[in-house]
Amino acid sequence: MLEAELQRAVKNWLDHHRIFYWRMNLGGIIVNNGAGFIRNSLAGFPDLMGIFYEKPNHGKAWAIELKTKKGRLSDSQKNWIFRLEGHGVAVSVCRSVDDVRAFFKLHGEI
């Protein structure tokens, strides 16, 4: 499964369970008719973020980095995970919809 397919499946699962989330498109933009590329400064930021609704975590932020079975975290992704966890954000690296389900079950959201 490609990461884009995994992301689509996870977003469908989150929508089905009415879990609030957003995705930031962070790749960058092409400028000057393709002559240049401006990379976003948030390289490595998690694929999905949201806010827990159910108690006891109501209002607490969560983040999920999606990876294929063989995908590896970049140094910038590891850095973001470290920084977010240091600020109390619940973070998980998920490789399947089952991983996402387990993450939300662990946090009492489903």
Protein backbone atom coordinates (compact mmCIF):
# COMPACT_ATOMS: atom_id res chain seq x y z
CA MET A 1 0.00 0.00 0.00
CA LEU A 2 1.31 3.44 -0.91
CA GLU A 3 1.39 6.15 1.76
CA ALA A 4 -1.23 8.16 -0.16
CA GLU A 5 -3.56 5.13 -0.10
CA LEU A 6 -2.95 4.65 3.62
CA GLN A 7 -3.67 8.32 4.24
CA ARG A 8 -6.95 8.08 2.30
CA ALA A 9 -8.00 4.97 4.26
CA VAL A 10 -7.13 6.60 7.59
CA LYS A 11 -9.00 9.81 6.71
CA ASN A 12 -12.05 7.72 5.75
CA TRP A 13 -11.83 5.91 9.10
CA LEU A 14 -11.51 9.19 11.02
CA ASP A 15 -14.47 10.67 9.12
CA HIS A 16 -16.56 7.57 9.82
CA HIS A 17 -15.84 7.89 13.55
CA ARG A 18 -16.37 11.68 13.48
CA ILE A 19 -12.90 12.33 14.84
CA PHE A 20 -11.78 15.94 14.33
CA TYR A 21 -8.54 16.26 12.37
CA TRP A 22 -6.71 18.32 9.80
CA ARG A 23 -3.89 17.77 7.35
CA MET A 24 -1.33 20.40 6.45
CA ASN A 25 0.04 20.30 2.90
CA LEU A 26 3.68 21.02 3.55
CA GLY A 27 5.62 20.00 0.49
CA GLY A 28 6.20 23.45 -0.97
CA ILE A 29 5.26 25.44 -4.02
CA ILE A 30 6.61 25.75 -7.55
CA VAL A 31 7.39 29.34 -8.56
CA ASN A 32 8.38 31.22 -11.73
CA ASN A 33 6.69 28.79 -14.13
CA GLY A 34 8.57 25.82 -12.68
CA ALA A 35 11.96 27.49 -12.49
CA GLY A 36 12.08 27.29 -8.72
CA PHE A 37 10.68 25.48 -5.71
CA ILE A 38 10.10 26.93 -2.25
CA ARG A 39 10.11 24.27 0.44
CA ASN A 40 7.91 24.77 3.45
CA SER A 41 9.86 25.36 6.64
CA LEU A 42 7.84 22.73 8.53
CA ALA A 43 9.51 19.73 6.90
CA GLY A 44 8.78 16.56 8.84
CA PHE A 45 5.56 17.82 10.43
CA PRO A 46 3.11 14.94 11.11
CA ASP A 47 0.62 13.95 8.42
CA LEU A 48 -2.49 14.40 10.55
CA MET A 49 -3.32 16.40 13.67
CA GLY A 50 -6.44 16.87 15.70
CA ILE A 51 -8.00 17.50 19.06
CA PHE A 52 -9.41 14.76 21.28
CA TYR A 53 -13.10 15.16 22.03
CA GLU A 54 -13.79 12.53 24.67
CA LYS A 55 -12.77 12.77 28.33
CA PRO A 56 -10.25 12.38 29.92
CA ASN A 57 -8.25 13.84 27.00
CA HIS A 58 -10.84 16.40 25.85
CA GLY A 59 -9.06 19.35 24.26
CA LYS A 60 -5.65 17.67 24.12
CA ALA A 61 -3.87 17.65 20.76
CA TRP A 62 -2.86 14.50 18.92
CA ALA A 63 -0.66 13.88 15.88
CA ILE A 64 -0.16 10.89 13.61
CA GLU A 65 2.71 10.25 11.22
CA LEU A 66 1.70 7.72 8.58
CA LYS A 67 4.26 5.33 7.16
CA THR A 68 4.10 2.31 4.91
CA LYS A 69 5.25 -1.03 6.30
CA LYS A 70 8.81 -0.33 5.13
CA GLY A 71 8.75 3.46 5.52
CA ARG A 72 11.29 5.11 7.82
CA LEU A 73 11.11 8.32 9.80
CA SER A 74 13.35 11.13 8.60
CA ASP A 75 15.43 13.07 11.10
CA SER A 76 13.06 16.03 10.77
CA GLN A 77 10.06 13.76 11.50
CA LYS A 78 11.83 12.37 14.58
CA ASN A 79 12.56 15.92 15.69
CA TRP A 80 8.90 16.97 15.34
CA ILE A 81 7.73 13.91 17.27
CA PHE A 82 10.19 14.69 20.07
CA ARG A 83 9.14 18.36 20.18
CA LEU A 84 5.40 17.64 20.10
CA GLU A 85 5.59 14.96 22.79
CA GLY A 86 7.60 17.40 24.90
CA HIS A 87 4.62 19.75 24.76
CA GLY A 88 2.11 17.08 25.81
CA VAL A 89 0.83 16.12 22.36
CA ALA A 90 -0.13 12.44 21.95
CA VAL A 91 1.89 11.25 18.93
CA SER A 92 1.91 7.95 17.09
CA VAL A 93 3.58 6.51 14.00
CA CYS A 94 0.93 4.40 12.31
CA ARG A 95 1.42 1.91 9.49
CA SER A 96 -2.20 0.76 9.12
CA VAL A 97 -5.77 1.68 9.94
CA ASP A 98 -5.54 -0.90 12.73
CA ASP A 99 -2.65 1.10 14.25
CA VAL A 100 -4.81 4.24 14.12
CA ARG A 101 -7.73 2.40 15.73
CA ALA A 102 -5.44 1.15 18.52
CA PHE A 103 -4.10 4.70 19.08
CA PHE A 104 -7.59 6.14 19.54
CA LYS A 105 -8.72 3.21 21.66
CA LEU A 106 -5.70 3.69 23.92
CA HIS A 107 -6.66 7.33 24.40
CA GLY A 108 -10.35 6.56 25.03
CA GLU A 109 -11.62 8.23 21.88
CA ILE A 110 -13.46 5.17 20.55
